[in-house]
Amino acid sequence: QVQLVESGGGTVQPGGSLRLSCIVSVDSGRTLRNYVVGWFRQAPGKEREFVSTISRSNYEYYADAVKGRFTITRDNAKNTVTLQMTSLRLEDTAVYYCAASSTIITSQLRNHQAYAYWGQGAQVTVSS
């Protein structure tokens, strides 16, 4: 059973920063190294969209909307993936979800339907 728990959401003014963390409890016999872990977000009335993901070999992928402002990292020893968000904008407001997959391939990394495991979500609100 794989479980993901997000933390670190909140409310910040435009231009501010927040850090989201995702702790991943993995299947017995596996480690976080076996999983691709990504972040997606969903604003009210909108589709869930790709934000960032980090591959098993620590290659980072970003949506154009967040490139240069967000940074994803993983600490396999702590089973944690972190999304550092800076220069936040009003349009970054959404529920942010952490997701993981042990079987995903490169061409699927930006597709939320390819991830088998999901966290409960963390609200990020950017407001003046």
N, C-alpha and C. Protein backbone atom coordinates (compact mmCIF):
# COMPACT_ATOMS: atom_id res chain seq x y z
N GLN A 1 0.85 -1.18 0.00
CA GLN A 1 0.00 0.00 0.00
C GLN A 1 0.89 1.24 0.00
N VAL A 2 0.65 2.13 -0.94
CA VAL A 2 1.41 3.37 -1.04
C VAL A 2 0.52 4.51 -0.56
N GLN A 3 1.01 5.30 0.35
CA GLN A 3 0.24 6.43 0.87
C GLN A 3 1.07 7.70 0.76
N LEU A 4 0.41 8.79 0.40
CA LEU A 4 1.07 10.08 0.25
C LEU A 4 0.36 11.11 1.12
N VAL A 5 1.13 11.89 1.83
CA VAL A 5 0.57 12.91 2.71
C VAL A 5 1.27 14.24 2.42
N GLU A 6 0.48 15.23 1.99
CA GLU A 6 1.03 16.56 1.71
C GLU A 6 0.96 17.44 2.95
N SER A 7 1.85 18.38 3.02
CA SER A 7 1.81 19.40 4.07
C SER A 7 2.46 20.67 3.53
N GLY A 8 2.18 21.79 4.20
CA GLY A 8 2.86 23.03 3.86
C GLY A 8 2.03 24.04 3.09
N GLY A 9 0.79 23.73 2.79
CA GLY A 9 -0.04 24.71 2.10
C GLY A 9 -0.35 25.89 3.00
N GLY A 10 -1.00 26.89 2.43
CA GLY A 10 -1.38 28.07 3.21
C GLY A 10 -1.72 29.24 2.33
N THR A 11 -1.76 30.40 2.94
CA THR A 11 -2.09 31.64 2.24
C THR A 11 -0.89 32.56 2.23
N VAL A 12 -0.62 33.13 1.07
CA VAL A 12 0.54 34.01 0.93
C VAL A 12 0.19 35.14 -0.02
N GLN A 13 0.87 36.26 0.11
CA GLN A 13 0.66 37.38 -0.80
C GLN A 13 1.40 37.15 -2.12
N PRO A 14 0.96 37.80 -3.17
CA PRO A 14 1.69 37.69 -4.45
C PRO A 14 3.16 38.05 -4.27
N GLY A 15 4.01 37.24 -4.89
CA GLY A 15 5.44 37.43 -4.74
C GLY A 15 6.06 36.64 -3.61
N GLY A 16 5.22 36.05 -2.77
CA GLY A 16 5.70 35.28 -1.64
C GLY A 16 6.10 33.87 -2.01
N SER A 17 6.48 33.11 -0.98
CA SER A 17 6.96 31.74 -1.18
C SER A 17 6.25 30.78 -0.24
N LEU A 18 6.15 29.54 -0.67
CA LEU A 18 5.63 28.44 0.14
C LEU A 18 6.40 27.19 -0.23
N ARG A 19 6.47 26.26 0.72
CA ARG A 19 7.08 24.97 0.45
C ARG A 19 6.08 23.87 0.77
N LEU A 20 5.85 23.02 -0.22
CA LEU A 20 4.99 21.85 -0.03
C LEU A 20 5.86 20.61 0.12
N SER A 21 5.47 19.76 1.05
CA SER A 21 6.18 18.50 1.24
C SER A 21 5.22 17.34 1.05
N CYS A 22 5.74 16.26 0.53
CA CYS A 22 4.96 15.04 0.33
C CYS A 22 5.75 13.88 0.92
N ILE A 23 5.21 13.29 1.96
CA ILE A 23 5.83 12.11 2.55
C ILE A 23 5.17 10.88 1.94
N VAL A 24 6.00 9.99 1.39
CA VAL A 24 5.50 8.83 0.67
C VAL A 24 5.81 7.56 1.47
N SER A 25 4.78 6.85 1.85
CA SER A 25 4.94 5.53 2.47
C SER A 25 4.84 4.51 1.37
N VAL A 26 5.92 3.76 1.15
CA VAL A 26 5.97 2.88 -0.02
C VAL A 26 5.68 1.43 0.36
N ASP A 27 5.47 0.62 -0.69
CA ASP A 27 5.23 -0.80 -0.49
C ASP A 27 6.42 -1.47 0.18
N SER A 28 6.13 -2.52 0.93
CA SER A 28 7.19 -3.30 1.55
C SER A 28 8.14 -3.83 0.48
N GLY A 29 9.43 -3.71 0.73
CA GLY A 29 10.42 -4.19 -0.23
C GLY A 29 10.82 -3.16 -1.27
N ARG A 30 10.16 -2.04 -1.28
CA ARG A 30 10.49 -0.97 -2.22
C ARG A 30 10.99 0.25 -1.45
N THR A 31 11.61 1.14 -2.19
CA THR A 31 12.01 2.43 -1.62
C THR A 31 11.47 3.53 -2.53
N LEU A 32 11.61 4.76 -2.08
CA LEU A 32 11.13 5.89 -2.89
C LEU A 32 11.85 5.94 -4.24
N ARG A 33 13.04 5.36 -4.31
CA ARG A 33 13.79 5.34 -5.57
C ARG A 33 13.04 4.64 -6.70
N ASN A 34 12.10 3.77 -6.33
CA ASN A 34 11.34 3.03 -7.33
C ASN A 34 10.20 3.84 -7.94
N TYR A 35 9.97 5.05 -7.44
CA TYR A 35 8.79 5.81 -7.81
C TYR A 35 9.14 7.15 -8.46
N VAL A 36 8.37 7.48 -9.46
CA VAL A 36 8.32 8.85 -9.96
C VAL A 36 7.29 9.59 -9.11
N VAL A 37 7.60 10.79 -8.69
CA VAL A 37 6.69 11.57 -7.85
C VAL A 37 6.46 12.94 -8.48
N GLY A 38 5.21 13.31 -8.57
CA GLY A 38 4.89 14.58 -9.20
C GLY A 38 3.90 15.40 -8.41
N TRP A 39 3.75 16.64 -8.84
CA TRP A 39 2.77 17.55 -8.26
C TRP A 39 1.82 18.03 -9.35
N PHE A 40 0.56 18.02 -9.03
CA PHE A 40 -0.48 18.53 -9.89
C PHE A 40 -1.31 19.53 -9.09
N ARG A 41 -2.09 20.34 -9.78
CA ARG A 41 -2.94 21.29 -9.06
C ARG A 41 -4.28 21.42 -9.76
N GLN A 42 -5.26 21.81 -8.99
CA GLN A 42 -6.59 21.99 -9.54
C GLN A 42 -7.24 23.20 -8.89
N ALA A 43 -7.56 24.17 -9.73
CA ALA A 43 -8.26 25.36 -9.27
C ALA A 43 -9.76 25.14 -9.45
N PRO A 44 -10.58 25.87 -8.71
CA PRO A 44 -12.04 25.70 -8.82
C PRO A 44 -12.52 25.87 -10.26
N GLY A 45 -13.30 24.91 -10.72
CA GLY A 45 -13.86 24.98 -12.05
C GLY A 45 -12.91 24.65 -13.18
N LYS A 46 -11.71 24.22 -12.83
CA LYS A 46 -10.71 23.92 -13.86
C LYS A 46 -10.27 22.46 -13.79
N GLU A 47 -9.65 22.02 -14.87
CA GLU A 47 -9.11 20.67 -14.92
C GLU A 47 -7.86 20.57 -14.05
N ARG A 48 -7.56 19.35 -13.60
CA ARG A 48 -6.31 19.13 -12.89
C ARG A 48 -5.16 19.28 -13.87
N GLU A 49 -4.13 20.02 -13.48
CA GLU A 49 -3.03 20.28 -14.40
C GLU A 49 -1.68 19.91 -13.80
N PHE A 50 -0.77 19.57 -14.67
CA PHE A 50 0.59 19.20 -14.29
C PHE A 50 1.34 20.43 -13.79
N VAL A 51 2.10 20.23 -12.72
CA VAL A 51 2.96 21.30 -12.20
C VAL A 51 4.43 20.90 -12.35
N SER A 52 4.80 19.77 -11.77
CA SER A 52 6.19 19.35 -11.80
C SER A 52 6.27 17.88 -11.44
N THR A 53 7.34 17.22 -11.89
CA THR A 53 7.57 15.86 -11.48
C THR A 53 9.07 15.61 -11.45
N ILE A 54 9.47 14.63 -10.67
CA ILE A 54 10.88 14.27 -10.57
C ILE A 54 11.00 12.77 -10.82
N SER A 55 11.90 12.42 -11.72
CA SER A 55 12.02 11.03 -12.14
C SER A 55 12.82 10.21 -11.12
N ARG A 56 12.88 8.92 -11.37
CA ARG A 56 13.64 8.03 -10.49
C ARG A 56 15.12 8.41 -10.47
N SER A 57 15.59 8.98 -11.58
CA SER A 57 16.99 9.40 -11.66
C SER A 57 17.17 10.87 -11.34
N ASN A 58 16.16 11.49 -10.71
CA ASN A 58 16.20 12.88 -10.25
C ASN A 58 16.18 13.90 -11.38
N TYR A 59 15.67 13.52 -12.53
CA TYR A 59 15.48 14.50 -13.59
C TYR A 59 14.20 15.27 -13.30
N GLU A 60 14.24 16.60 -13.44
CA GLU A 60 13.11 17.44 -13.07
C GLU A 60 12.35 17.91 -14.31
N TYR A 61 11.03 17.92 -14.21
CA TYR A 61 10.17 18.40 -15.27
C TYR A 61 9.24 19.46 -14.68
N TYR A 62 9.00 20.51 -15.45
CA TYR A 62 8.14 21.60 -15.00
C TYR A 62 7.17 22.03 -16.07
N ALA A 63 6.00 22.46 -15.62
CA ALA A 63 5.08 23.12 -16.54
C ALA A 63 5.66 24.49 -16.88
N ASP A 64 5.37 24.98 -18.07
CA ASP A 64 5.88 26.28 -18.48
C ASP A 64 5.45 27.38 -17.52
N ALA A 65 4.25 27.24 -16.95
CA ALA A 65 3.71 28.28 -16.08
C ALA A 65 4.49 28.46 -14.79
N VAL A 66 5.26 27.43 -14.39
CA VAL A 66 5.97 27.50 -13.12
C VAL A 66 7.48 27.43 -13.29
N LYS A 67 7.96 27.20 -14.49
CA LYS A 67 9.39 27.06 -14.72
C LYS A 67 10.12 28.31 -14.28
N GLY A 68 11.20 28.12 -13.53
CA GLY A 68 11.96 29.25 -13.03
C GLY A 68 11.47 29.79 -11.71
N ARG A 69 10.30 29.36 -11.28
CA ARG A 69 9.74 29.83 -10.00
C ARG A 69 9.61 28.68 -8.98
N PHE A 70 9.35 27.47 -9.48
CA PHE A 70 9.16 26.32 -8.60
C PHE A 70 10.36 25.38 -8.76
N THR A 71 10.70 24.70 -7.66
CA THR A 71 11.77 23.71 -7.68
C THR A 71 11.33 22.45 -6.96
N ILE A 72 11.49 21.31 -7.62
CA ILE A 72 11.13 20.04 -7.02
C ILE A 72 12.40 19.29 -6.64
N THR A 73 12.38 18.69 -5.46
CA THR A 73 13.52 17.90 -4.99
C THR A 73 12.99 16.64 -4.31
N ARG A 74 13.87 15.66 -4.21
CA ARG A 74 13.47 14.44 -3.50
C ARG A 74 14.58 14.04 -2.54
N ASP A 75 14.18 13.50 -1.41
CA ASP A 75 15.12 12.95 -0.43
C ASP A 75 14.68 11.51 -0.20
N ASN A 76 15.35 10.60 -0.89
CA ASN A 76 14.93 9.19 -0.82
C ASN A 76 15.10 8.61 0.58
N ALA A 77 16.08 9.08 1.32
CA ALA A 77 16.30 8.57 2.67
C ALA A 77 15.16 8.94 3.61
N LYS A 78 14.52 10.08 3.33
CA LYS A 78 13.40 10.54 4.17
C LYS A 78 12.05 10.30 3.52
N ASN A 79 12.06 9.63 2.36
CA ASN A 79 10.80 9.34 1.63
C ASN A 79 9.98 10.61 1.41
N THR A 80 10.67 11.69 1.05
CA THR A 80 10.01 12.98 0.94
C THR A 80 10.32 13.65 -0.39
N VAL A 81 9.31 14.24 -0.99
CA VAL A 81 9.47 15.07 -2.17
C VAL A 81 8.94 16.46 -1.82
N THR A 82 9.72 17.47 -2.16
CA THR A 82 9.39 18.84 -1.78
C THR A 82 9.21 19.71 -3.02
N LEU A 83 8.23 20.59 -2.97
CA LEU A 83 8.03 21.57 -4.03
C LEU A 83 8.20 22.96 -3.42
N GLN A 84 9.31 23.60 -3.75
CA GLN A 84 9.57 24.96 -3.29
C GLN A 84 8.98 25.92 -4.31
N MET A 85 8.07 26.77 -3.84
CA MET A 85 7.37 27.69 -4.73
C MET A 85 7.75 29.12 -4.37
N THR A 86 8.25 29.86 -5.34
CA THR A 86 8.62 31.25 -5.12
C THR A 86 7.91 32.14 -6.14
N SER A 87 7.98 33.44 -5.90
CA SER A 87 7.35 34.42 -6.80
C SER A 87 5.92 34.02 -7.13
N LEU A 88 5.17 33.65 -6.11
CA LEU A 88 3.82 33.14 -6.33
C LEU A 88 2.90 34.21 -6.89
N ARG A 89 2.01 33.76 -7.74
CA ARG A 89 1.06 34.63 -8.43
C ARG A 89 -0.37 34.27 -8.05
N LEU A 90 -1.27 35.17 -8.32
CA LEU A 90 -2.68 34.90 -8.01
C LEU A 90 -3.15 33.61 -8.69
N GLU A 91 -2.66 33.40 -9.91
CA GLU A 91 -3.12 32.24 -10.69
C GLU A 91 -2.52 30.92 -10.22
N ASP A 92 -1.64 30.96 -9.22
CA ASP A 92 -1.12 29.73 -8.63
C ASP A 92 -2.07 29.17 -7.57
N THR A 93 -3.10 29.91 -7.24
CA THR A 93 -4.07 29.45 -6.25
C THR A 93 -4.77 28.18 -6.73
N ALA A 94 -4.71 27.15 -5.91
CA ALA A 94 -5.28 25.85 -6.27
C ALA A 94 -5.08 24.88 -5.12
N VAL A 95 -5.71 23.72 -5.24
CA VAL A 95 -5.36 22.58 -4.39
C VAL A 95 -4.24 21.84 -5.09
N TYR A 96 -3.16 21.61 -4.37
CA TYR A 96 -1.99 20.94 -4.92
C TYR A 96 -1.97 19.49 -4.43
N TYR A 97 -1.80 18.58 -5.38
CA TYR A 97 -1.79 17.16 -5.08
C TYR A 97 -0.43 16.55 -5.40
N CYS A 98 0.01 15.69 -4.53
CA CYS A 98 1.20 14.89 -4.75
C CYS A 98 0.75 13.55 -5.32
N ALA A 99 1.51 13.03 -6.29
CA ALA A 99 1.14 11.77 -6.92
C ALA A 99 2.39 10.94 -7.18
N ALA A 100 2.22 9.62 -7.22
CA ALA A 100 3.37 8.74 -7.42
C ALA A 100 3.00 7.58 -8.32
N SER A 101 4.03 7.06 -8.98
CA SER A 101 3.86 5.87 -9.82
C SER A 101 5.18 5.13 -9.89
N SER A 102 5.07 3.80 -9.88
CA SER A 102 6.27 2.98 -10.03
C SER A 102 6.40 2.45 -11.45
N THR A 103 5.39 2.68 -12.29
CA THR A 103 5.38 2.08 -13.63
C THR A 103 5.34 3.09 -14.75
N ILE A 104 5.24 4.35 -14.42
CA ILE A 104 5.06 5.38 -15.43
C ILE A 104 6.28 5.47 -16.35
N ILE A 105 6.04 5.83 -17.61
CA ILE A 105 7.14 6.02 -18.55
C ILE A 105 7.26 7.51 -18.89
N THR A 106 8.36 7.88 -19.49
CA THR A 106 8.68 9.29 -19.70
C THR A 106 7.58 10.04 -20.43
N SER A 107 6.99 9.43 -21.44
CA SER A 107 5.98 10.12 -22.24
C SER A 107 4.70 10.40 -21.46
N GLN A 108 4.55 9.77 -20.31
CA GLN A 108 3.33 9.92 -19.52
C GLN A 108 3.50 10.87 -18.33
N LEU A 109 4.68 11.39 -18.12
CA LEU A 109 4.98 12.10 -16.87
C LEU A 109 4.06 13.28 -16.59
N ARG A 110 3.56 13.94 -17.62
CA ARG A 110 2.72 15.12 -17.43
C ARG A 110 1.23 14.79 -17.41
N ASN A 111 0.91 13.52 -17.48
CA ASN A 111 -0.49 13.07 -17.55
C ASN A 111 -0.94 12.56 -16.18
N HIS A 112 -1.87 13.25 -15.56
CA HIS A 112 -2.27 12.87 -14.20
C HIS A 112 -2.91 11.49 -14.17
N GLN A 113 -3.48 11.06 -15.29
CA GLN A 113 -4.13 9.75 -15.32
C GLN A 113 -3.13 8.60 -15.23
N ALA A 114 -1.87 8.89 -15.43
CA ALA A 114 -0.84 7.84 -15.40
C ALA A 114 -0.31 7.56 -14.00
N TYR A 115 -0.72 8.36 -13.03
CA TYR A 115 -0.24 8.19 -11.66
C TYR A 115 -1.27 7.39 -10.85
N ALA A 116 -0.79 6.37 -10.16
CA ALA A 116 -1.69 5.46 -9.46
C ALA A 116 -2.02 5.91 -8.04
N TYR A 117 -1.11 6.64 -7.43
CA TYR A 117 -1.26 6.97 -6.01
C TYR A 117 -1.31 8.48 -5.83
N TRP A 118 -2.22 8.92 -4.94
CA TRP A 118 -2.46 10.34 -4.75
C TRP A 118 -2.58 10.70 -3.28
N GLY A 119 -2.15 11.89 -2.95
CA GLY A 119 -2.38 12.43 -1.63
C GLY A 119 -3.74 13.11 -1.56
N GLN A 120 -4.04 13.65 -0.40
CA GLN A 120 -5.36 14.23 -0.16
C GLN A 120 -5.45 15.67 -0.64
N GLY A 121 -4.32 16.30 -0.92
CA GLY A 121 -4.31 17.66 -1.43
C GLY A 121 -3.99 18.69 -0.36
N ALA A 122 -3.37 19.77 -0.78
CA ALA A 122 -3.04 20.88 0.12
C ALA A 122 -3.44 22.18 -0.56
N GLN A 123 -4.18 23.01 0.17
CA GLN A 123 -4.66 24.28 -0.41
C GLN A 123 -3.53 25.31 -0.40
N VAL A 124 -3.33 25.92 -1.56
CA VAL A 124 -2.41 27.05 -1.69
C VAL A 124 -3.23 28.23 -2.19
N THR A 125 -3.24 29.30 -1.43
CA THR A 125 -3.99 30.50 -1.79
C THR A 125 -3.04 31.68 -1.87
N VAL A 126 -3.04 32.33 -3.02
CA VAL A 126 -2.24 33.53 -3.21
C VAL A 126 -3.21 34.69 -3.31
N SER A 127 -3.13 35.58 -2.36
CA SER A 127 -4.12 36.64 -2.28
C SER A 127 -3.50 37.90 -1.69
N SER A 128 -3.91 39.04 -2.25
CA SER A 128 -3.44 40.31 -1.71
C SER A 128 -4.44 40.85 -0.69
